[in-house]
Protein backbone atom coordinates (compact mmCIF):
# COMPACT_ATOMS: atom_id res chain seq x y z
CA UNK A 1 0.00 0.00 0.00
CA UNK A 2 1.29 3.45 -0.92
CA UNK A 3 0.45 5.32 2.29
CA UNK A 4 3.30 7.84 2.57
CA UNK A 5 3.81 7.23 6.28
CA UNK A 6 6.90 5.89 7.98
CA UNK A 7 7.73 5.02 11.58
CA UNK A 8 8.86 8.57 12.35
CA UNK A 9 5.32 9.91 11.95
CA UNK A 10 4.33 7.93 15.03
CA UNK A 11 6.45 10.22 17.19
CA UNK A 12 4.65 13.36 16.07
CA UNK A 13 2.33 12.41 18.95
CA UNK A 14 3.37 13.47 22.46
CA UNK A 15 1.68 12.76 25.77
CA UNK A 16 0.26 15.81 27.54
CA UNK A 17 -0.69 16.14 31.19
CA UNK A 18 -2.66 19.15 32.42
CA UNK A 19 -2.98 20.10 36.09
CA UNK A 20 -5.79 22.34 37.31
CA UNK A 21 -6.28 23.94 40.73
CA UNK A 22 -9.00 25.90 42.46
CA UNK A 23 -8.70 28.85 44.87
CA UNK A 24 -8.14 26.67 47.95
CA UNK A 25 -5.56 24.37 46.41
CA UNK A 26 -7.61 21.36 45.29
CA UNK A 27 -6.10 19.88 42.13
CA UNK A 28 -7.26 17.74 39.23
CA UNK A 29 -5.17 16.24 36.44
CA UNK A 30 -6.06 15.07 32.95
CA UNK A 31 -4.02 13.43 30.21
CA UNK A 32 -4.25 13.19 26.46
CA UNK A 33 -2.24 13.55 23.28
CA UNK A 34 -0.75 16.64 21.70
CA UNK A 35 1.52 17.45 18.78
CA UNK A 36 3.68 20.24 17.44
CA UNK A 37 3.14 21.89 14.08
CA UNK A 38 4.93 24.71 12.31
CA UNK A 39 2.77 27.67 11.38
CA UNK A 40 3.13 29.73 8.21
CA UNK A 41 5.68 31.96 9.99
CA UNK A 42 7.95 28.97 10.72
CA UNK A 43 7.24 28.89 14.48
CA UNK A 44 6.48 25.68 16.36
CA UNK A 45 3.08 25.56 18.07
CA UNK A 46 1.62 22.99 20.43
CA UNK A 47 -1.86 21.76 19.51
CA UNK A 48 -4.33 19.65 21.50
CA UNK A 49 -8.04 19.64 22.29
CA UNK A 50 -9.61 22.40 24.30
CA UNK A 51 -11.24 19.83 26.59
CA UNK A 52 -7.72 18.68 27.56
CA UNK A 53 -6.66 22.17 28.71
CA UNK A 54 -10.05 23.58 29.78
CA UNK A 55 -11.50 21.34 32.48
CA UNK A 56 -14.98 22.87 32.34
CA UNK A 57 -15.29 22.88 28.54
CA UNK A 58 -18.78 21.74 27.46
CA UNK A 59 -19.50 20.45 30.98
CA UNK A 60 -22.49 21.59 32.99
CA UNK A 61 -20.67 21.52 36.32
CA UNK A 62 -20.33 24.72 38.35
CA UNK A 63 -17.67 23.21 40.62
CA UNK A 64 -15.31 22.78 37.69
CA UNK A 65 -15.61 26.43 36.69
CA UNK A 66 -13.54 27.32 39.76
CA UNK A 67 -10.52 25.42 38.45
CA UNK A 68 -7.86 27.01 36.27
CA UNK A 69 -4.97 25.55 34.32
CA UNK A 70 -1.74 25.68 36.33
CA UNK A 71 0.70 23.29 34.68
CA UNK A 72 1.25 21.68 31.26
CA UNK A 73 3.68 18.75 31.04
CA UNK A 74 4.83 17.13 27.80
CA UNK A 75 6.63 13.82 27.24
CA UNK A 76 7.73 12.00 24.13
CA UNK A 77 10.81 10.89 22.23
CA UNK A 78 13.86 12.72 20.95
CA UNK A 79 15.64 11.80 17.75
CA UNK A 80 19.20 10.49 17.61
CA UNK A 81 21.66 12.87 16.02
CA UNK A 82 22.27 11.94 12.40
CA UNK A 83 19.32 9.67 11.60
CA UNK A 84 16.57 10.97 13.95
CA UNK A 85 16.05 7.48 15.39
CA UNK A 86 13.64 7.73 18.39
CA UNK A 87 16.08 6.82 21.11
CA UNK A 88 15.65 8.85 24.30
CA UNK A 89 12.71 9.95 26.41
CA UNK A 90 12.12 13.65 26.91
CA UNK A 91 9.90 15.47 29.39
CA UNK A 92 9.38 19.17 29.88
CA UNK A 93 6.84 21.71 31.10
CA UNK A 94 5.43 24.68 29.24
CA UNK A 95 3.98 27.92 30.55
CA UNK A 96 0.19 27.52 30.18
CA UNK A 97 -0.27 30.42 27.74
CA UNK A 98 -3.18 28.85 25.88
CA UNK A 99 -5.18 30.17 22.94
CA UNK A 100 -8.56 28.65 22.08
CA UNK A 101 -10.30 28.73 18.73
CA UNK A 102 -12.54 31.84 18.52
CA UNK A 103 -15.50 29.57 17.74
CA UNK A 104 -16.07 27.67 21.00
CA UNK A 105 -17.64 24.78 19.09
CA UNK A 106 -14.18 23.95 17.71
CA UNK A 107 -12.48 21.79 20.34
CA UNK A 108 -9.01 23.20 19.63
CA UNK A 109 -6.38 24.62 21.98
CA UNK A 110 -2.94 25.91 21.00
CA UNK A 111 0.14 27.25 22.70
CA UNK A 112 1.62 29.48 20.03
CA UNK A 113 4.44 30.91 22.13
CA UNK A 114 6.39 28.02 23.61
CA UNK A 115 7.96 29.05 26.90
CA UNK A 116 9.72 26.03 28.47
CA UNK A 117 9.82 25.97 32.28
CA UNK A 118 12.80 23.63 32.23
CA UNK A 119 15.69 23.26 29.79
CA UNK A 120 14.84 19.88 28.25
CA UNK A 121 12.39 21.17 25.63
CA UNK A 122 13.92 19.51 22.58
CA UNK A 123 11.31 18.90 19.85
CA UNK A 124 12.56 16.70 17.03
CA UNK A 125 9.23 15.41 15.74
CA UNK A 126 6.73 17.90 14.38
CA UNK A 127 4.39 18.48 11.44
CA UNK A 128 5.71 20.85 8.74
CA UNK A 129 3.48 23.68 7.57
CA UNK A 130 3.55 22.25 4.04
CA UNK A 131 1.61 19.17 5.24
CA UNK A 132 -1.37 21.17 6.55
CA UNK A 133 -4.54 20.60 4.52
CA UNK A 134 -6.10 23.75 3.09
CA UNK A 135 -9.68 24.65 2.29
CA UNK A 136 -8.96 23.68 -1.32
CA UNK A 137 -7.77 20.24 -0.17
CA UNK A 138 -11.01 19.65 1.73
CA UNK A 139 -13.05 20.81 -1.26
CA UNK A 140 -11.18 19.02 -4.04
CA UNK A 141 -8.67 16.44 -2.80
CA UNK A 142 -10.33 14.64 0.11
CA UNK A 143 -13.22 12.22 -0.18
CA UNK A 144 -15.31 9.73 1.73
CA UNK A 145 -13.49 6.39 2.05
CA UNK A 146 -10.07 8.07 2.18
CA UNK A 147 -7.85 6.30 4.70
CA UNK A 148 -6.78 8.14 7.84
CA UNK A 149 -4.16 7.43 10.52
CA UNK A 150 -3.81 8.97 13.98
CA UNK A 151 -0.97 8.29 16.45
CA UNK A 152 -1.61 8.85 20.13
CA UNK A 153 -1.65 7.67 23.70
CA UNK A 154 -4.84 5.69 24.34
CA UNK A 155 -4.95 3.17 27.18
CA UNK A 156 -3.19 0.57 25.01
CA UNK A 157 -0.09 2.57 24.07
CA UNK A 158 3.35 1.07 24.73
CA UNK A 159 3.66 1.94 28.41
CA UNK A 160 6.94 0.12 29.03
CA UNK A 161 8.78 2.15 26.40
CA UNK A 162 6.50 5.24 26.55
CA UNK A 163 5.72 5.05 22.85
CA UNK A 164 2.49 6.07 21.09
CA UNK A 165 0.52 3.68 18.91
CA UNK A 166 -1.21 4.38 15.62
CA UNK A 167 -4.82 3.65 14.74
CA UNK A 168 -6.55 3.95 11.38
CA UNK A 169 -9.96 4.71 9.92
CA UNK A 170 -11.81 6.08 6.90
CA UNK A 171 -13.61 9.36 6.26
CA UNK A 172 -17.35 8.87 6.81
CA UNK A 173 -18.88 12.31 6.28
CA UNK A 174 -18.50 14.58 3.26
CA UNK A 175 -15.23 16.47 4.01
CA UNK A 176 -16.36 19.41 1.90
CA UNK A 177 -18.87 20.23 4.62
CA UNK A 178 -18.89 20.44 8.42
CA UNK A 179 -20.35 17.44 10.23
CA UNK A 180 -22.58 17.83 13.28
CA UNK A 181 -24.31 15.52 15.73
CA UNK A 182 -26.97 17.22 17.83
CA UNK A 183 -25.70 19.68 20.41
CA UNK A 184 -22.63 17.65 21.37
CA UNK A 185 -20.62 17.81 18.15
CA UNK A 186 -20.53 21.00 16.11
CA UNK A 187 -17.97 23.19 14.37
CA UNK A 188 -15.46 22.38 11.65
CA UNK A 189 -15.85 18.61 12.08
CA UNK A 190 -15.43 15.53 9.94
CA UNK A 191 -16.81 12.16 11.03
CA UNK A 192 -14.67 9.10 10.43
CA UNK A 193 -15.05 5.39 11.05
CA UNK A 194 -12.39 4.74 13.68
CA UNK A 195 -12.02 3.75 17.33
CA UNK A 196 -10.92 6.80 19.27
CA UNK A 197 -10.73 6.20 23.01
CA UNK A 198 -9.73 8.11 26.12
CA UNK A 199 -6.14 9.26 25.77
CA UNK A 200 -6.46 9.70 22.00
CA UNK A 201 -7.89 13.18 22.43
CA UNK A 202 -5.55 15.59 20.67
CA UNK A 203 -4.06 13.07 18.25
CA UNK A 204 -2.95 14.45 14.88
CA UNK A 205 -4.93 12.95 12.00
CA UNK A 206 -3.27 12.23 8.66
CA UNK A 207 -4.94 11.41 5.35
CA UNK A 208 -2.56 8.82 3.94
CA UNK A 209 -1.16 9.05 0.44
CA UNK A 210 -3.40 7.84 -2.39
CA UNK A 211 -1.65 5.89 -5.11
CA UNK A 212 2.05 5.65 -5.98
CA UNK A 213 3.91 8.94 -6.13
CA UNK A 214 4.64 9.78 -9.78
CA UNK A 215 8.09 10.68 -10.94
CA UNK A 216 9.09 13.86 -12.73
CA UNK A 217 6.97 14.44 -15.83
CA UNK A 218 4.59 11.58 -14.98
CA UNK A 219 0.97 12.04 -13.98
CA UNK A 220 -1.02 9.41 -12.03
CA UNK A 221 -4.74 10.27 -12.04
CA UNK A 222 -6.13 10.13 -8.51
CA UNK A 223 -2.78 10.57 -6.77
CA UNK A 224 -2.84 12.64 -3.59
CA UNK A 225 0.08 13.23 -1.28
CA UNK A 226 -0.02 12.67 2.46
CA UNK A 227 -1.89 15.45 4.29
CA UNK A 228 -2.29 16.54 7.89
CA UNK A 229 -6.06 16.98 8.04
CA UNK A 230 -6.91 17.69 11.68
CA UNK A 231 -7.09 16.78 15.34
CA UNK A 232 -8.97 13.85 16.82
CA UNK A 233 -11.49 14.97 19.42
CA UNK A 234 -13.64 12.03 20.49
CA UNK A 235 -16.19 9.43 19.51
CA UNK A 236 -19.95 9.06 19.33
CA UNK A 237 -21.74 6.71 21.70
CA UNK A 238 -24.75 4.48 21.27
CA UNK A 239 -27.80 4.65 23.54
CA UNK A 240 -26.25 2.09 25.90
CA UNK A 241 -23.06 4.21 26.13
CA UNK A 242 -20.99 1.91 23.92
CA UNK A 243 -18.62 3.09 21.21
CA UNK A 244 -20.54 3.60 17.97
CA UNK A 245 -17.50 3.02 15.77
CA UNK A 246 -17.69 6.64 14.62
CA UNK A 247 -15.15 9.21 15.80
CA UNK A 248 -14.68 12.82 14.74
CA UNK A 249 -11.88 15.29 14.16
CA UNK A 250 -11.65 19.04 13.76
CA UNK A 251 -10.23 20.26 10.47
CA UNK A 252 -6.67 21.47 9.99
CA UNK A 253 -8.10 24.67 8.54
CA UNK A 254 -9.56 25.47 11.97
CA UNK A 255 -6.16 24.82 13.55
CA UNK A 256 -4.61 27.26 11.07
CA UNK A 257 -7.12 29.87 12.25
CA UNK A 258 -5.38 29.82 15.64
CA UNK A 259 -1.71 29.16 14.91
CA UNK A 260 -1.42 31.59 11.99
CA UNK A 261 -2.88 34.66 13.72
């Protein structure tokens, strides 16, 4: 299969831990996945879901509204000098200077000015700006049944070696339009048939390459290069609270709204 991915793409996913505290010192912690992407100015930005960094997001719970984000911790792999082989573990904290998408329906949070609290903030694996899907890509190059892949840190990631795992799926809704499901899922969404679980929130989603890459002067009808298309945000449940088999992601164009401002 000509998918355009290699093992290095797995390490674009980092584990994120967010600590919240209220006025009297009670704390709560949540974990998920995040990634780093370069914006159009060449700066690295951290991206994850808003519900990872905003504990009260879309929750009808007054007690949670008294908690604020106090600490953001990142862990992942660093690349070996020379061949970028994922050899060593890294862990660092960032100042919680978070920007949310201006449309609160878009479950997107970004840290566009990376201020490390400790010195070990070495980011070798990130998504280049040239990979980011544009509005034109969603209108003309992406289609239902396109294969997707999303690395992350669900319950079943490699805990002994602290490595993410990759899951796959296919686009289910028309990517030219925004998908919605009642009041719970709105915004710049696409539905896809995939099994997103707790811990996968914030995973980068890639549309894998379609067809073999043509050489110079050769045209393969239907070829599309690998694209970064968005951020995984959750899954839909059945009436008995089981996984429906349908997950959803927010479009890369909505991420660009935040990181490119």
